[in-house]
Amino acid sequence: TDLEDANVQQVANAFPQHETVPLSALEGNNMDEVYDKIA
């Protein structure tokens, strides 16, 4: 999601039956939510 042409909604629309969590693993963005969801 750190990249300019990121489109999270497109990913969410592809598999609406599952929860989609945005993140940048490289930059560490939104990792709090990532760990909340893993737990």
Full PDB file with SEQRES, HELIX, SHEET, SSBOND, CRYST1, ORIGX, SCALE, CONECT and MASTER records, all heavy atoms in Angstrom:
SEQRES   1 A   39  THR ASP LEU GLU ASP ALA ASN VAL GLN GLN VAL ALA ASN          
SEQRES   2 A   39  ALA PHE PRO GLN HIS GLU THR VAL PRO LEU SER ALA LEU          
SEQRES   3 A   39  GLU GLY ASN ASN MET ASP GLU VAL TYR ASP LYS ILE ALA          
HELIX    1 AA1 VAL A    8  ALA A   14  1                                   7    
HELIX    2 AA2 MET A   31  ILE A   38  1                                   8    
CRYST1    1.000    1.000    1.000  90.00  90.00  90.00 P 1           1          
ORIGX1      1.000000  0.000000  0.000000        0.00000                         
ORIGX2      0.000000  1.000000  0.000000        0.00000                         
ORIGX3      0.000000  0.000000  1.000000        0.00000                         
SCALE1      1.000000  0.000000  0.000000        0.00000                         
SCALE2      0.000000  1.000000  0.000000        0.00000                         
SCALE3      0.000000  0.000000  1.000000        0.00000                         
ATOM      1  N   THR A   1       0.822  -1.216   0.000  1.00  0.00           N  
ATOM      2  CA  THR A   1       0.000   0.000   0.000  1.00  0.00           C  
ATOM      3  C   THR A   1       0.850   1.258   0.000  1.00  0.00           C  
ATOM      4  O   THR A   1       0.314   2.362  -0.144  1.00  0.00           O  
ATOM      5  CB  THR A   1      -0.926   0.028   1.231  1.00  0.00           C  
ATOM      6  OG1 THR A   1      -0.144  -0.093   2.427  1.00  0.00           O  
ATOM      7  CG2 THR A   1      -1.927  -1.124   1.171  1.00  0.00           C  
ATOM      8  N   ASP A   2       2.166   1.119   0.168  1.00  0.00           N  
ATOM      9  CA  ASP A   2       3.055   2.272   0.114  1.00  0.00           C  
ATOM     10  C   ASP A   2       3.275   2.748  -1.322  1.00  0.00           C  
ATOM     11  O   ASP A   2       3.788   3.857  -1.539  1.00  0.00           O  
ATOM     12  CB  ASP A   2       4.413   1.947   0.748  1.00  0.00           C  
ATOM     13  CG  ASP A   2       5.052   0.709   0.130  1.00  0.00           C  
ATOM     14  OD1 ASP A   2       4.448  -0.383   0.226  1.00  0.00           O  
ATOM     15  OD2 ASP A   2       6.153   0.821  -0.450  1.00  0.00           O  
ATOM     16  N   LEU A   3       2.874   1.929  -2.297  1.00  0.00           N  
ATOM     17  CA  LEU A   3       3.069   2.291  -3.701  1.00  0.00           C  
ATOM     18  C   LEU A   3       1.897   3.126  -4.208  1.00  0.00           C  
ATOM     19  O   LEU A   3       0.743   2.938  -3.815  1.00  0.00           O  
ATOM     20  CB  LEU A   3       3.225   1.031  -4.557  1.00  0.00           C  
ATOM     21  CG  LEU A   3       4.413   0.134  -4.182  1.00  0.00           C  
ATOM     22  CD1 LEU A   3       4.476  -1.067  -5.112  1.00  0.00           C  
ATOM     23  CD2 LEU A   3       5.730   0.915  -4.229  1.00  0.00           C  
ATOM     24  N   GLU A   4       2.205   4.030  -5.118  1.00  0.00           N  
ATOM     25  CA  GLU A   4       1.227   5.018  -5.572  1.00  0.00           C  
ATOM     26  C   GLU A   4       0.017   4.387  -6.250  1.00  0.00           C  
ATOM     27  O   GLU A   4      -1.114   4.869  -6.099  1.00  0.00           O  
ATOM     28  CB  GLU A   4       1.904   6.002  -6.534  1.00  0.00           C  
ATOM     29  CG  GLU A   4       1.022   7.170  -6.948  1.00  0.00           C  
ATOM     30  CD  GLU A   4       1.768   8.162  -7.816  1.00  0.00           C  
ATOM     31  OE1 GLU A   4       2.994   8.044  -7.944  1.00  0.00           O  
ATOM     32  OE2 GLU A   4       1.101   9.056  -8.366  1.00  0.00           O  
ATOM     33  N   ASP A   5       0.213   3.307  -7.007  1.00  0.00           N  
ATOM     34  CA  ASP A   5      -0.900   2.711  -7.743  1.00  0.00           C  
ATOM     35  C   ASP A   5      -1.554   1.545  -7.001  1.00  0.00           C  
ATOM     36  O   ASP A   5      -2.236   0.717  -7.602  1.00  0.00           O  
ATOM     37  CB  ASP A   5      -0.442   2.248  -9.132  1.00  0.00           C  
ATOM     38  CG  ASP A   5       0.801   1.362  -9.082  1.00  0.00           C  
ATOM     39  OD1 ASP A   5       1.437   1.309  -8.011  1.00  0.00           O  
ATOM     40  OD2 ASP A   5       1.138   0.745 -10.110  1.00  0.00           O  
ATOM     41  N   ALA A   6      -1.383   1.504  -5.677  1.00  0.00           N  
ATOM     42  CA  ALA A   6      -2.048   0.472  -4.880  1.00  0.00           C  
ATOM     43  C   ALA A   6      -3.563   0.658  -4.935  1.00  0.00           C  
ATOM     44  O   ALA A   6      -4.063   1.780  -4.919  1.00  0.00           O  
ATOM     45  CB  ALA A   6      -1.562   0.524  -3.437  1.00  0.00           C  
ATOM     46  N   ASN A   7      -4.283  -0.449  -5.000  1.00  0.00           N  
ATOM     47  CA  ASN A   7      -5.745  -0.410  -5.058  1.00  0.00           C  
ATOM     48  C   ASN A   7      -6.292  -1.503  -4.141  1.00  0.00           C  
ATOM     49  O   ASN A   7      -6.559  -2.622  -4.573  1.00  0.00           O  
ATOM     50  CB  ASN A   7      -6.234  -0.612  -6.494  1.00  0.00           C  
ATOM     51  CG  ASN A   7      -7.730  -0.393  -6.640  1.00  0.00           C  
ATOM     52  OD1 ASN A   7      -8.473  -0.442  -5.665  1.00  0.00           O  
ATOM     53  ND2 ASN A   7      -8.180  -0.162  -7.862  1.00  0.00           N  
ATOM     54  N   VAL A   8      -6.453  -1.175  -2.875  1.00  0.00           N  
ATOM     55  CA  VAL A   8      -6.917  -2.143  -1.881  1.00  0.00           C  
ATOM     56  C   VAL A   8      -8.338  -2.594  -2.168  1.00  0.00           C  
ATOM     57  O   VAL A   8      -8.677  -3.769  -1.998  1.00  0.00           O  
ATOM     58  CB  VAL A   8      -6.810  -1.544  -0.464  1.00  0.00           C  
ATOM     59  CG1 VAL A   8      -7.414  -2.490   0.565  1.00  0.00           C  
ATOM     60  CG2 VAL A   8      -5.354  -1.241  -0.121  1.00  0.00           C  
ATOM     61  N   GLN A   9      -9.162  -1.677  -2.633  1.00  0.00           N  
ATOM     62  CA  GLN A   9     -10.561  -2.014  -2.887  1.00  0.00           C  
ATOM     63  C   GLN A   9     -10.688  -3.074  -3.975  1.00  0.00           C  
ATOM     64  O   GLN A   9     -11.577  -3.930  -3.926  1.00  0.00           O  
ATOM     65  CB  GLN A   9     -11.348  -0.757  -3.289  1.00  0.00           C  
ATOM     66  CG  GLN A   9     -12.860  -0.966  -3.303  1.00  0.00           C  
ATOM     67  CD  GLN A   9     -13.401  -1.412  -1.958  1.00  0.00           C  
ATOM     68  OE1 GLN A   9     -13.104  -0.802  -0.932  1.00  0.00           O  
ATOM     69  NE2 GLN A   9     -14.183  -2.483  -1.952  1.00  0.00           N  
ATOM     70  N   GLN A  10      -9.802  -3.033  -4.951  1.00  0.00           N  
ATOM     71  CA  GLN A  10      -9.827  -4.044  -6.003  1.00  0.00           C  
ATOM     72  C   GLN A  10      -9.571  -5.433  -5.432  1.00  0.00           C  
ATOM     73  O   GLN A  10     -10.206  -6.415  -5.839  1.00  0.00           O  
ATOM     74  CB  GLN A  10      -8.756  -3.719  -7.060  1.00  0.00           C  
ATOM     75  CG  GLN A  10      -8.724  -4.690  -8.220  1.00  0.00           C  
ATOM     76  CD  GLN A  10      -7.748  -4.267  -9.303  1.00  0.00           C  
ATOM     77  OE1 GLN A  10      -8.116  -4.054 -10.454  1.00  0.00           O  
ATOM     78  NE2 GLN A  10      -6.479  -4.151  -8.938  1.00  0.00           N  
ATOM     79  N   VAL A  11      -8.672  -5.513  -4.467  1.00  0.00           N  
ATOM     80  CA  VAL A  11      -8.405  -6.787  -3.805  1.00  0.00           C  
ATOM     81  C   VAL A  11      -9.618  -7.223  -2.997  1.00  0.00           C  
ATOM     82  O   VAL A  11     -10.036  -8.392  -3.039  1.00  0.00           O  
ATOM     83  CB  VAL A  11      -7.164  -6.677  -2.895  1.00  0.00           C  
ATOM     84  CG1 VAL A  11      -6.961  -7.963  -2.098  1.00  0.00           C  
ATOM     85  CG2 VAL A  11      -5.921  -6.360  -3.719  1.00  0.00           C  
ATOM     86  N   ALA A  12     -10.200  -6.293  -2.252  1.00  0.00           N  
ATOM     87  CA  ALA A  12     -11.376  -6.615  -1.441  1.00  0.00           C  
ATOM     88  C   ALA A  12     -12.540  -7.082  -2.310  1.00  0.00           C  
ATOM     89  O   ALA A  12     -13.288  -7.990  -1.932  1.00  0.00           O  
ATOM     90  CB  ALA A  12     -11.784  -5.400  -0.611  1.00  0.00           C  
ATOM     91  N   ASN A  13     -12.697  -6.472  -3.480  1.00  0.00           N  
ATOM     92  CA  ASN A  13     -13.794  -6.839  -4.379  1.00  0.00           C  
ATOM     93  C   ASN A  13     -13.600  -8.217  -4.997  1.00  0.00           C  
ATOM     94  O   ASN A  13     -14.572  -8.879  -5.375  1.00  0.00           O  
ATOM     95  CB  ASN A  13     -13.927  -5.802  -5.493  1.00  0.00           C  
ATOM     96  CG  ASN A  13     -14.420  -4.462  -4.997  1.00  0.00           C  
ATOM     97  OD1 ASN A  13     -14.984  -4.369  -3.894  1.00  0.00           O  
ATOM     98  ND2 ASN A  13     -14.210  -3.413  -5.780  1.00  0.00           N  
ATOM     99  N   ALA A  14     -12.348  -8.649  -5.104  1.00  0.00           N  
ATOM    100  CA  ALA A  14     -12.067  -9.938  -5.739  1.00  0.00           C  
ATOM    101  C   ALA A  14     -12.583 -11.097  -4.899  1.00  0.00           C  
ATOM    102  O   ALA A  14     -13.083 -12.093  -5.445  1.00  0.00           O  
ATOM    103  CB  ALA A  14     -10.563 -10.092  -5.977  1.00  0.00           C  
ATOM    104  N   PHE A  15     -12.454 -10.967  -3.573  1.00  0.00           N  
ATOM    105  CA  PHE A  15     -12.873 -12.050  -2.682  1.00  0.00           C  
ATOM    106  C   PHE A  15     -13.667 -11.470  -1.515  1.00  0.00           C  
ATOM    107  O   PHE A  15     -13.191 -11.454  -0.368  1.00  0.00           O  
ATOM    108  CB  PHE A  15     -11.653 -12.827  -2.185  1.00  0.00           C  
ATOM    109  CG  PHE A  15     -10.790 -13.354  -3.305  1.00  0.00           C  
ATOM    110  CD1 PHE A  15      -9.596 -12.733  -3.632  1.00  0.00           C  
ATOM    111  CD2 PHE A  15     -11.198 -14.450  -4.053  1.00  0.00           C  
ATOM    112  CE1 PHE A  15      -8.811 -13.206  -4.672  1.00  0.00           C  
ATOM    113  CE2 PHE A  15     -10.425 -14.928  -5.094  1.00  0.00           C  
ATOM    114  CZ  PHE A  15      -9.231 -14.300  -5.418  1.00  0.00           C  
ATOM    115  N   PRO A  16     -14.879 -10.991  -1.788  1.00  0.00           N  
ATOM    116  CA  PRO A  16     -15.662 -10.298  -0.759  1.00  0.00           C  
ATOM    117  C   PRO A  16     -16.097 -11.194   0.396  1.00  0.00           C  
ATOM    118  O   PRO A  16     -16.513 -10.698   1.444  1.00  0.00           O  
ATOM    119  CB  PRO A  16     -16.872  -9.774  -1.543  1.00  0.00           C  
ATOM    120  CG  PRO A  16     -16.996 -10.697  -2.716  1.00  0.00           C  
ATOM    121  CD  PRO A  16     -15.589 -11.068  -3.075  1.00  0.00           C  
ATOM    122  N   GLN A  17     -16.006 -12.501   0.207  1.00  0.00           N  
ATOM    123  CA  GLN A  17     -16.400 -13.428   1.276  1.00  0.00           C  
ATOM    124  C   GLN A  17     -15.360 -13.511   2.386  1.00  0.00           C  
ATOM    125  O   GLN A  17     -15.609 -14.134   3.423  1.00  0.00           O  
ATOM    126  CB  GLN A  17     -16.664 -14.826   0.697  1.00  0.00           C  
ATOM    127  CG  GLN A  17     -15.439 -15.588   0.198  1.00  0.00           C  
ATOM    128  CD  GLN A  17     -15.088 -15.278  -1.252  1.00  0.00           C  
ATOM    129  OE1 GLN A  17     -15.228 -14.144  -1.717  1.00  0.00           O  
ATOM    130  NE2 GLN A  17     -14.603 -16.280  -1.964  1.00  0.00           N  
ATOM    131  N   HIS A  18     -14.197 -12.894   2.160  1.00  0.00           N  
ATOM    132  CA  HIS A  18     -13.129 -12.920   3.162  1.00  0.00           C  
ATOM    133  C   HIS A  18     -12.703 -11.499   3.506  1.00  0.00           C  
ATOM    134  O   HIS A  18     -12.776 -10.595   2.665  1.00  0.00           O  
ATOM    135  CB  HIS A  18     -11.927 -13.714   2.638  1.00  0.00           C  
ATOM    136  CG  HIS A  18     -12.251 -15.125   2.283  1.00  0.00           C  
ATOM    137  ND1 HIS A  18     -12.596 -16.070   3.218  1.00  0.00           N  
ATOM    138  CD2 HIS A  18     -12.309 -15.756   1.076  1.00  0.00           C  
ATOM    139  CE1 HIS A  18     -12.844 -17.218   2.623  1.00  0.00           C  
ATOM    140  NE2 HIS A  18     -12.670 -17.064   1.324  1.00  0.00           N  
ATOM    141  N   GLU A  19     -12.232 -11.347   4.730  1.00  0.00           N  
ATOM    142  CA  GLU A  19     -11.785 -10.025   5.166  1.00  0.00           C  
ATOM    143  C   GLU A  19     -10.450  -9.674   4.517  1.00  0.00           C  
ATOM    144  O   GLU A  19      -9.553 -10.517   4.423  1.00  0.00           O  
ATOM    145  CB  GLU A  19     -11.657  -9.989   6.682  1.00  0.00           C  
ATOM    146  CG  GLU A  19     -11.322  -8.614   7.226  1.00  0.00           C  
ATOM    147  CD  GLU A  19     -11.579  -8.487   8.714  1.00  0.00           C  
ATOM    148  OE1 GLU A  19     -11.874  -9.506   9.355  1.00  0.00           O  
ATOM    149  OE2 GLU A  19     -11.483  -7.357   9.232  1.00  0.00           O  
ATOM    150  N   THR A  20     -10.333  -8.431   4.062  1.00  0.00           N  
ATOM    151  CA  THR A  20      -9.092  -7.943   3.463  1.00  0.00           C  
ATOM    152  C   THR A  20      -8.473  -6.881   4.367  1.00  0.00           C  
ATOM    153  O   THR A  20      -9.141  -5.937   4.779  1.00  0.00           O  
ATOM    154  CB  THR A  20      -9.349  -7.353   2.066  1.00  0.00           C  
ATOM    155  OG1 THR A  20      -9.808  -8.384   1.189  1.00  0.00           O  
ATOM    156  CG2 THR A  20      -8.086  -6.741   1.490  1.00  0.00           C  
ATOM    157  N   VAL A  21      -7.196  -7.056   4.653  1.00  0.00           N  
ATOM    158  CA  VAL A  21      -6.475  -6.112   5.511  1.00  0.00           C  
ATOM    159  C   VAL A  21      -5.378  -5.443   4.691  1.00  0.00           C  
ATOM    160  O   VAL A  21      -4.530  -6.124   4.118  1.00  0.00           O  
ATOM    161  CB  VAL A  21      -5.848  -6.843   6.721  1.00  0.00           C  
ATOM    162  CG1 VAL A  21      -5.092  -5.851   7.605  1.00  0.00           C  
ATOM    163  CG2 VAL A  21      -6.913  -7.572   7.523  1.00  0.00           C  
ATOM    164  N   PRO A  22      -5.370  -4.114   4.600  1.00  0.00           N  
ATOM    165  CA  PRO A  22      -4.308  -3.424   3.861  1.00  0.00           C  
ATOM    166  C   PRO A  22      -3.042  -3.318   4.706  1.00  0.00           C  
ATOM    167  O   PRO A  22      -3.105  -3.190   5.929  1.00  0.00           O  
ATOM    168  CB  PRO A  22      -4.911  -2.042   3.604  1.00  0.00           C  
ATOM    169  CG  PRO A  22      -5.839  -1.824   4.756  1.00  0.00           C  
ATOM    170  CD  PRO A  22      -6.388  -3.183   5.111  1.00  0.00           C  
ATOM    171  N   LEU A  23      -1.889  -3.360   4.035  1.00  0.00           N  
ATOM    172  CA  LEU A  23      -0.632  -3.190   4.758  1.00  0.00           C  
ATOM    173  C   LEU A  23       0.506  -2.932   3.774  1.00  0.00           C  
ATOM    174  O   LEU A  23       0.370  -3.173   2.571  1.00  0.00           O  
ATOM    175  CB  LEU A  23      -0.285  -4.426   5.579  1.00  0.00           C  
ATOM    176  CG  LEU A  23       0.303  -5.629   4.810  1.00  0.00           C  
ATOM    177  CD1 LEU A  23       1.224  -6.429   5.701  1.00  0.00           C  
ATOM    178  CD2 LEU A  23      -0.797  -6.499   4.253  1.00  0.00           C  
ATOM    179  N   SER A  24       1.604  -2.465   4.330  1.00  0.00           N  
ATOM    180  CA  SER A  24       2.877  -2.472   3.619  1.00  0.00           C  
ATOM    181  C   SER A  24       3.857  -3.228   4.500  1.00  0.00           C  
ATOM    182  O   SER A  24       4.321  -2.709   5.522  1.00  0.00           O  
ATOM    183  CB  SER A  24       3.387  -1.051   3.355  1.00  0.00           C  
ATOM    184  OG  SER A  24       4.734  -1.106   2.907  1.00  0.00           O  
ATOM    185  N   ALA A  25       4.142  -4.476   4.115  1.00  0.00           N  
ATOM    186  CA  ALA A  25       5.082  -5.275   4.901  1.00  0.00           C  
ATOM    187  C   ALA A  25       6.477  -4.657   4.867  1.00  0.00           C  
ATOM    188  O   ALA A  25       7.228  -4.737   5.843  1.00  0.00           O  
ATOM    189  CB  ALA A  25       5.114  -6.704   4.371  1.00  0.00           C  
ATOM    190  N   LEU A  26       6.817  -4.030   3.749  1.00  0.00           N  
ATOM    191  CA  LEU A  26       8.139  -3.418   3.602  1.00  0.00           C  
ATOM    192  C   LEU A  26       8.309  -2.237   4.541  1.00  0.00           C  
ATOM    193  O   LEU A  26       9.335  -2.108   5.224  1.00  0.00           O  
ATOM    194  CB  LEU A  26       8.351  -2.971   2.155  1.00  0.00           C  
ATOM    195  CG  LEU A  26       9.703  -2.329   1.831  1.00  0.00           C  
ATOM    196  CD1 LEU A  26      10.827  -3.343   2.020  1.00  0.00           C  
ATOM    197  CD2 LEU A  26       9.712  -1.782   0.406  1.00  0.00           C  
ATOM    198  N   GLU A  27       7.301  -1.377   4.606  1.00  0.00           N  
ATOM    199  CA  GLU A  27       7.391  -0.168   5.420  1.00  0.00           C  
ATOM    200  C   GLU A  27       6.865  -0.382   6.843  1.00  0.00           C  
ATOM    201  O   GLU A  27       7.069   0.472   7.714  1.00  0.00           O  
ATOM    202  CB  GLU A  27       6.601   0.971   4.756  1.00  0.00           C  
ATOM    203  CG  GLU A  27       7.107   1.366   3.380  1.00  0.00           C  
ATOM    204  CD  GLU A  27       8.498   1.969   3.433  1.00  0.00           C  
ATOM    205  OE1 GLU A  27       8.858   2.543   4.487  1.00  0.00           O  
ATOM    206  OE2 GLU A  27       9.232   1.876   2.432  1.00  0.00           O  
ATOM    207  N   GLY A  28       6.166  -1.477   7.065  1.00  0.00           N  
ATOM    208  CA  GLY A  28       5.600  -1.735   8.385  1.00  0.00           C  
ATOM    209  C   GLY A  28       4.303  -0.992   8.645  1.00  0.00           C  
ATOM    210  O   GLY A  28       3.901  -0.828   9.813  1.00  0.00           O  
ATOM    211  N   ASN A  29       3.636  -0.564   7.591  1.00  0.00           N  
ATOM    212  CA  ASN A  29       2.387   0.182   7.744  1.00  0.00           C  
ATOM    213  C   ASN A  29       1.223  -0.741   8.103  1.00  0.00           C  
ATOM    214  O   ASN A  29       1.048  -1.804   7.499  1.00  0.00           O  
ATOM    215  CB  ASN A  29       2.047   0.930   6.457  1.00  0.00           C  
ATOM    216  CG  ASN A  29       3.100   1.966   6.087  1.00  0.00           C  
ATOM    217  OD1 ASN A  29       3.879   2.390   6.948  1.00  0.00           O  
ATOM    218  ND2 ASN A  29       3.136   2.368   4.831  1.00  0.00           N  
ATOM    219  N   ASN A  30       0.442  -0.336   9.074  1.00  0.00           N  
ATOM    220  CA  ASN A  30      -0.790  -1.015   9.503  1.00  0.00           C  
ATOM    221  C   ASN A  30      -0.516  -2.385  10.132  1.00  0.00           C  
ATOM    222  O   ASN A  30      -1.399  -3.251  10.145  1.00  0.00           O  
ATOM    223  CB  ASN A  30      -1.778  -1.176   8.348  1.00  0.00           C  
ATOM    224  CG  ASN A  30      -3.214  -1.329   8.837  1.00  0.00           C  
ATOM    225  OD1 ASN A  30      -3.628  -0.672   9.802  1.00  0.00           O  
ATOM    226  ND2 ASN A  30      -3.988  -2.199   8.192  1.00  0.00           N  
ATOM    227  N   MET A  31       0.652  -2.590  10.695  1.00  0.00           N  
ATOM    228  CA  MET A  31       0.964  -3.888  11.290  1.00  0.00           C  
ATOM    229  C   MET A  31       0.187  -4.145  12.581  1.00  0.00           C  
ATOM    230  O   MET A  31      -0.042  -5.295  12.951  1.00  0.00           O  
ATOM    231  CB  MET A  31       2.459  -4.010  11.544  1.00  0.00           C  
ATOM    232  CG  MET A  31       3.306  -4.062  10.269  1.00  0.00           C  
ATOM    233  SD  MET A  31       2.803  -5.363   9.114  1.00  0.00           S  
ATOM    234  CE  MET A  31       3.101  -6.844  10.078  1.00  0.00           C  
ATOM    235  N   ASP A  32      -0.247  -3.073  13.255  1.00  0.00           N  
ATOM    236  CA  ASP A  32      -1.071  -3.284  14.453  1.00  0.00           C  
ATOM    237  C   ASP A  32      -2.341  -4.043  14.098  1.00  0.00           C  
ATOM    238  O   ASP A  32      -2.729  -5.000  14.785  1.00  0.00           O  
ATOM    239  CB  ASP A  32      -1.422  -1.943  15.109  1.00  0.00           C  
ATOM    240  CG  ASP A  32      -0.269  -1.360  15.901  1.00  0.00           C  
ATOM    241  OD1 ASP A  32       0.652  -2.132  16.252  1.00  0.00           O  
ATOM    242  OD2 ASP A  32      -0.276  -0.143  16.161  1.00  0.00           O  
ATOM    243  N   GLU A  33      -3.011  -3.613  13.021  1.00  0.00           N  
ATOM    244  CA  GLU A  33      -4.232  -4.313  12.601  1.00  0.00           C  
ATOM    245  C   GLU A  33      -3.910  -5.724  12.117  1.00  0.00           C  
ATOM    246  O   GLU A  33      -4.672  -6.664  12.368  1.00  0.00           O  
ATOM    247  CB  GLU A  33      -4.962  -3.542  11.499  1.00  0.00           C  
ATOM    248  CG  GLU A  33      -6.280  -4.205  11.108  1.00  0.00           C  
ATOM    249  CD  GLU A  33      -7.039  -3.457  10.023  1.00  0.00           C  
ATOM    250  OE1 GLU A  33      -6.538  -2.432   9.528  1.00  0.00           O  
ATOM    251  OE2 GLU A  33      -8.148  -3.914   9.657  1.00  0.00           O  
ATOM    252  N   VAL A  34      -2.791  -5.872  11.425  1.00  0.00           N  
ATOM    253  CA  VAL A  34      -2.373  -7.204  10.966  1.00  0.00           C  
ATOM    254  C   VAL A  34      -2.271  -8.162  12.147  1.00  0.00           C  
ATOM    255  O   VAL A  34      -2.814  -9.280  12.116  1.00  0.00           O  
ATOM    256  CB  VAL A  34      -1.024  -7.118  10.220  1.00  0.00           C  
ATOM    257  CG1 VAL A  34      -0.417  -8.510  10.044  1.00  0.00           C  
ATOM    258  CG2 VAL A  34      -1.210  -6.456   8.865  1.00  0.00           C  
ATOM    259  N   TYR A  35      -1.610  -7.746  13.212  1.00  0.00           N  
ATOM    260  CA  TYR A  35      -1.428  -8.629  14.364  1.00  0.00           C  
ATOM    261  C   TYR A  35      -2.733  -8.842  15.134  1.00  0.00           C  
ATOM    262  O   TYR A  35      -2.980  -9.939  15.650  1.00  0.00           O  
ATOM    263  CB  TYR A  35      -0.337  -8.075  15.281  1.00  0.00           C  
ATOM    264  CG  TYR A  35       1.025  -8.071  14.628  1.00  0.00           C  
ATOM    265  CD1 TYR A  35       1.896  -6.998  14.766  1.00  0.00           C  
ATOM    266  CD2 TYR A  35       1.443  -9.162  13.869  1.00  0.00           C  
ATOM    267  CE1 TYR A  35       3.142  -6.998  14.167  1.00  0.00           C  
ATOM    268  CE2 TYR A  35       2.689  -9.164  13.257  1.00  0.00           C  
ATOM    269  CZ  TYR A  35       3.533  -8.087  13.409  1.00  0.00           C  
ATOM    270  OH  TYR A  35       4.769  -8.088  12.788  1.00  0.00           O  
ATOM    271  N   ASP A  36      -3.569  -7.811  15.171  1.00  0.00           N  
ATOM    272  CA  ASP A  36      -4.896  -7.974  15.792  1.00  0.00           C  
ATOM    273  C   ASP A  36      -5.679  -9.081  15.078  1.00  0.00           C  
ATOM    274  O   ASP A  36      -6.295  -9.940  15.714  1.00  0.00           O  
ATOM    275  CB  ASP A  36      -5.689  -6.669  15.719  1.00  0.00           C  
ATOM    276  CG  ASP A  36      -5.182  -5.609  16.686  1.00  0.00           C  
ATOM    277  OD1 ASP A  36      -4.384  -5.951  17.595  1.00  0.00           O  
ATOM    278  OD2 ASP A  36      -5.567  -4.434  16.524  1.00  0.00           O  
ATOM    279  N   LYS A  37      -5.653  -9.040  13.758  1.00  0.00           N  
ATOM    280  CA  LYS A  37      -6.426 -10.006  12.973  1.00  0.00           C  
ATOM    281  C   LYS A  37      -5.815 -11.407  13.070  1.00  0.00           C  
ATOM    282  O   LYS A  37      -6.554 -12.406  13.099  1.00  0.00           O  
ATOM    283  CB  LYS A  37      -6.503  -9.553  11.517  1.00  0.00           C  
ATOM    284  CG  LYS A  37      -7.315  -8.296  11.300  1.00  0.00           C  
ATOM    285  CD  LYS A  37      -8.752  -8.473  11.777  1.00  0.00           C  
ATOM    286  CE  LYS A  37      -9.581  -7.208  11.557  1.00  0.00           C  
ATOM    287  NZ  LYS A  37     -10.982  -7.368  12.062  1.00  0.00           N  
ATOM    288  N   ILE A  38      -4.502 -11.520  13.082  1.00  0.00           N  
ATOM    289  CA  ILE A  38      -3.871 -12.833  13.222  1.00  0.00           C  
ATOM    290  C   ILE A  38      -4.285 -13.478  14.554  1.00  0.00           C  
ATOM    291  O   ILE A  38      -4.639 -14.658  14.614  1.00  0.00           O  
ATOM    292  CB  ILE A  38      -2.341 -12.724  13.123  1.00  0.00           C  
ATOM    293  CG1 ILE A  38      -1.927 -12.391  11.680  1.00  0.00           C  
ATOM    294  CG2 ILE A  38      -1.672 -14.024  13.574  1.00  0.00           C  
ATOM    295  CD1 ILE A  38      -0.445 -12.147  11.508  1.00  0.00           C  
ATOM    296  N   ALA A  39      -4.247 -12.685  15.629  1.00  0.00           N  
ATOM    297  CA  ALA A  39      -4.654 -13.207  16.937  1.00  0.00           C  
ATOM    298  C   ALA A  39      -6.131 -13.585  16.940  1.00  0.00           C  
ATOM    299  O   ALA A  39      -6.515 -14.607  17.521  1.00  0.00           O  
ATOM    300  CB  ALA A  39      -4.352 -12.166  18.012  1.00  0.00           C  
TER     301      ALA A  39                                                      
MASTER        0    0    0    2    0    0    0    6  300    1    0    3          
END                                                                             
